[in-house]
Amino acid sequence: MTVVLAPYGDGWVDVIIGAKLPEEAFVVLPLLGDPDAVLVTSGDGVPLSCTIGDGAVVVEAMGEREFVVSYQTPDLVKRVRGVWELSVDVPTASRLEVRLAADAVIVGLSPVPAEVERGSNALTITFDSGTANVTYALANSQDGSSAHSAANPSGSQAVEGAASGASPYAVAGLAAAVALVALLAAGRRG
């Protein structure tokens, strides 16, 4: 099972859970936080009937083996003095992706991620399990209340290049975090 989390600058998080499971009449998948606007589809995008309760969604599988559950929740991140913290523990997940805004500055990561990739629209942190604690700041967000979009999940203004618009300290901190991840990943490989 793969879990993708995309926090917005207002504290809400898009959650996408993808799973390939044995063929069953009903499938039970975990939900993170208090879900809003839950949509369950087959791997082909066909909406499926479901029931939500007790931290899980029960899906009428209709012969399908691949499922995608998507929703939003305000319960996965908290903000303290301008720093956001996202903490999740999904024991059944084999992969967890956290997609932050491109201008996000990582303050802390636990455990060590498998990969950190900065793209033009997002900073993606990938973990090899479903447990993660990511602490970050949004470099260009003044109050976290700006509008958000799928291309810019935090709602903050995207920057062109990692250094544009960010303070030298933020860029140095990000560079140090990425270098540490690269060193640890190289050590795991050999």
Protein backbone atom coordinates (compact mmCIF):
# COMPACT_ATOMS: atom_id res chain seq x y z
CA MET A 1 0.00 0.00 0.00
CA THR A 2 1.28 3.46 -0.91
CA VAL A 3 0.25 6.63 0.94
CA VAL A 4 0.76 10.12 -0.54
CA LEU A 5 0.31 13.19 1.66
CA ALA A 6 0.24 16.75 0.29
CA PRO A 7 -0.14 19.39 3.02
CA TYR A 8 -1.63 22.79 2.21
CA GLY A 9 -0.57 26.07 3.79
CA ASP A 10 -3.86 26.21 5.72
CA GLY A 11 -3.31 22.96 7.64
CA TRP A 12 -5.38 20.66 5.45
CA VAL A 13 -3.76 17.63 3.83
CA ASP A 14 -4.66 15.77 0.64
CA VAL A 15 -4.44 12.03 1.33
CA ILE A 16 -4.19 9.44 -1.45
CA ILE A 17 -4.00 5.76 -0.54
CA GLY A 18 -3.28 3.28 -3.33
CA ALA A 19 -3.54 -0.46 -2.74
CA LYS A 20 -3.36 -3.69 -4.69
CA LEU A 21 -5.11 -6.42 -2.75
CA PRO A 22 -6.36 -9.98 -3.24
CA GLU A 23 -9.79 -10.27 -4.79
CA GLU A 24 -12.36 -10.04 -2.01
CA ALA A 25 -16.01 -8.99 -1.81
CA PHE A 26 -15.16 -6.23 0.68
CA VAL A 27 -11.83 -4.54 1.41
CA VAL A 28 -10.96 -2.56 4.54
CA LEU A 29 -8.41 0.27 4.22
CA PRO A 30 -7.22 2.60 7.01
CA LEU A 31 -8.06 6.30 7.08
CA LEU A 32 -5.75 8.96 8.51
CA GLY A 33 -7.38 11.72 10.54
CA ASP A 34 -11.00 12.78 10.20
CA PRO A 35 -11.70 12.44 6.45
CA ASP A 36 -13.64 14.95 4.39
CA ALA A 37 -14.93 14.33 0.83
CA VAL A 38 -13.83 10.68 0.54
CA LEU A 39 -13.69 9.23 -2.96
CA VAL A 40 -12.88 5.56 -3.61
CA THR A 41 -12.15 4.39 -7.13
CA SER A 42 -10.85 1.29 -8.84
CA GLY A 43 -7.39 1.36 -10.40
CA ASP A 44 -9.18 2.35 -13.63
CA GLY A 45 -10.87 5.35 -11.99
CA VAL A 46 -14.35 3.81 -11.64
CA PRO A 47 -16.06 5.06 -8.44
CA LEU A 48 -16.79 2.31 -5.92
CA SER A 49 -19.33 2.15 -3.12
CA CYS A 50 -17.90 2.43 0.40
CA THR A 51 -18.78 2.85 4.05
CA ILE A 52 -16.71 4.98 6.43
CA GLY A 53 -16.35 4.36 10.15
CA ASP A 54 -13.95 3.61 13.01
CA GLY A 55 -10.87 4.98 11.23
CA ALA A 56 -11.34 2.83 8.14
CA VAL A 57 -13.17 2.67 4.85
CA VAL A 58 -14.92 -0.55 3.80
CA VAL A 59 -14.98 -0.81 0.02
CA GLU A 60 -17.38 -2.96 -2.00
CA ALA A 61 -14.66 -4.39 -4.25
CA MET A 62 -16.91 -5.43 -7.16
CA GLY A 63 -14.17 -7.80 -8.37
CA GLU A 64 -11.52 -5.08 -8.42
CA ARG A 65 -8.02 -5.62 -7.01
CA GLU A 66 -6.60 -2.08 -7.25
CA PHE A 67 -8.06 0.76 -5.20
CA VAL A 68 -7.43 4.46 -4.74
CA VAL A 69 -8.86 6.28 -1.74
CA SER A 70 -8.57 10.07 -1.80
CA TYR A 71 -9.77 12.67 0.68
CA GLN A 72 -8.72 15.70 2.71
CA THR A 73 -8.20 16.03 6.45
CA PRO A 74 -7.16 18.82 8.84
CA ASP A 75 -5.82 16.37 11.44
CA LEU A 76 -2.33 15.41 10.24
CA VAL A 77 -0.35 18.65 10.62
CA LYS A 78 0.06 21.19 13.36
CA ARG A 79 1.73 24.60 13.29
CA VAL A 80 3.76 26.03 16.14
CA ARG A 81 5.42 29.45 15.72
CA GLY A 82 5.57 29.25 11.92
CA VAL A 83 6.90 25.67 11.80
CA TRP A 84 4.67 22.85 10.58
CA GLU A 85 4.89 19.25 11.81
CA LEU A 86 3.37 16.30 9.97
CA SER A 87 3.36 12.98 11.85
CA VAL A 88 1.87 9.74 10.55
CA ASP A 89 2.05 6.04 11.33
CA VAL A 90 0.45 3.65 8.85
CA PRO A 91 1.84 0.19 9.71
CA THR A 92 0.32 -1.39 6.59
CA ALA A 93 1.99 1.07 4.18
CA SER A 94 5.10 -0.07 2.30
CA ARG A 95 5.75 3.42 0.90
CA LEU A 96 4.95 6.93 2.08
CA GLU A 97 5.40 10.11 0.03
CA VAL A 98 5.14 13.57 1.53
CA ARG A 99 4.79 16.30 -1.11
CA LEU A 100 5.57 19.74 0.25
CA ALA A 101 5.51 23.07 -1.59
CA ALA A 102 8.61 23.78 -3.66
CA ASP A 103 9.58 26.58 -1.26
CA ALA A 104 9.38 24.40 1.86
CA VAL A 105 12.43 24.27 4.12
CA ILE A 106 12.94 20.98 5.94
CA VAL A 107 13.65 21.48 9.63
CA GLY A 108 13.59 17.81 10.68
CA LEU A 109 12.99 14.32 9.31
CA SER A 110 12.48 11.00 11.03
CA PRO A 111 13.22 8.28 10.05
CA VAL A 112 15.85 8.85 7.38
CA PRO A 113 13.95 9.01 4.06
CA ALA A 114 14.75 6.78 1.09
CA GLU A 115 14.72 9.80 -1.23
CA VAL A 116 14.35 13.57 -1.23
CA GLU A 117 13.63 15.21 -4.57
CA ARG A 118 13.06 18.90 -5.25
CA GLY A 119 11.05 19.60 -8.38
CA SER A 120 9.81 22.89 -9.75
CA ASN A 121 6.37 22.40 -8.13
CA ALA A 122 7.07 20.27 -5.07
CA LEU A 123 9.59 18.90 -2.62
CA THR A 124 8.90 15.15 -2.41
CA ILE A 125 10.16 13.10 0.53
CA THR A 126 9.82 9.32 0.17
CA PHE A 127 9.95 6.85 3.05
CA ASP A 128 10.20 3.05 2.76
CA SER A 129 7.55 2.56 5.45
CA GLY A 130 4.36 4.22 6.59
CA THR A 131 5.90 6.02 9.55
CA ALA A 132 7.23 9.56 9.27
CA ASN A 133 7.68 12.79 11.12
CA VAL A 134 8.44 15.79 8.89
CA THR A 135 8.99 19.24 10.34
CA TYR A 136 9.12 22.09 7.82
CA ALA A 137 8.64 25.79 7.25
CA LEU A 138 7.17 27.49 4.22
CA ALA A 139 9.77 29.99 3.05
CA ASN A 140 7.46 32.41 1.23
CA SER A 141 4.25 31.96 3.20
CA GLN A 142 3.42 34.89 5.47
CA ASP A 143 0.42 33.49 7.31
CA GLY A 144 -0.32 30.12 5.70
CA SER A 145 -3.71 31.31 4.54
CA SER A 146 -3.06 31.72 0.83
CA ALA A 147 -5.04 29.70 -1.68
CA HIS A 148 -3.75 26.30 -2.67
CA SER A 149 -3.71 24.24 -5.83
CA ALA A 150 -2.73 20.75 -6.90
CA ALA A 151 0.46 22.08 -8.49
CA ASN A 152 1.38 24.02 -5.34
CA PRO A 153 -0.08 22.06 -2.41
CA SER A 154 1.02 24.34 0.41
CA GLY A 155 -0.64 27.42 -1.03
CA SER A 156 2.58 29.41 -0.75
CA GLN A 157 4.12 31.05 -3.79
CA ALA A 158 6.38 28.63 -5.65
CA VAL A 159 9.92 29.81 -6.25
CA GLU A 160 12.01 29.41 -9.36
CA GLY A 161 14.99 27.36 -8.24
CA ALA A 162 15.72 26.24 -4.71
CA ALA A 163 17.42 29.50 -3.67
CA SER A 164 15.19 32.16 -5.22
CA GLY A 165 13.35 34.13 -2.54
CA ALA A 166 14.59 32.00 0.37
CA SER A 167 17.00 33.26 2.98
CA PRO A 168 20.62 32.07 2.75
CA TYR A 169 20.10 30.23 6.05
CA ALA A 170 17.09 28.35 4.69
CA VAL A 171 18.99 27.35 1.54
CA ALA A 172 22.01 26.26 3.60
CA GLY A 173 19.77 24.21 5.89
CA LEU A 174 18.08 22.51 2.96
CA ALA A 175 21.42 21.81 1.29
CA ALA A 176 22.74 20.25 4.51
CA ALA A 177 19.62 18.06 4.85
CA VAL A 178 19.82 16.87 1.23
CA ALA A 179 23.56 16.16 1.59
CA LEU A 180 22.92 14.14 4.75
CA VAL A 181 20.21 12.09 3.03
CA ALA A 182 22.51 11.45 0.05
CA LEU A 183 25.33 10.29 2.34
CA LEU A 184 23.04 7.99 4.31
CA ALA A 185 21.52 6.56 1.11
CA ALA A 186 25.01 5.93 -0.32
CA GLY A 187 25.99 4.18 2.90
CA ARG A 188 22.96 1.87 2.63
CA ARG A 189 23.85 0.86 -0.92
CA GLY A 190 27.35 -0.24 -0.20
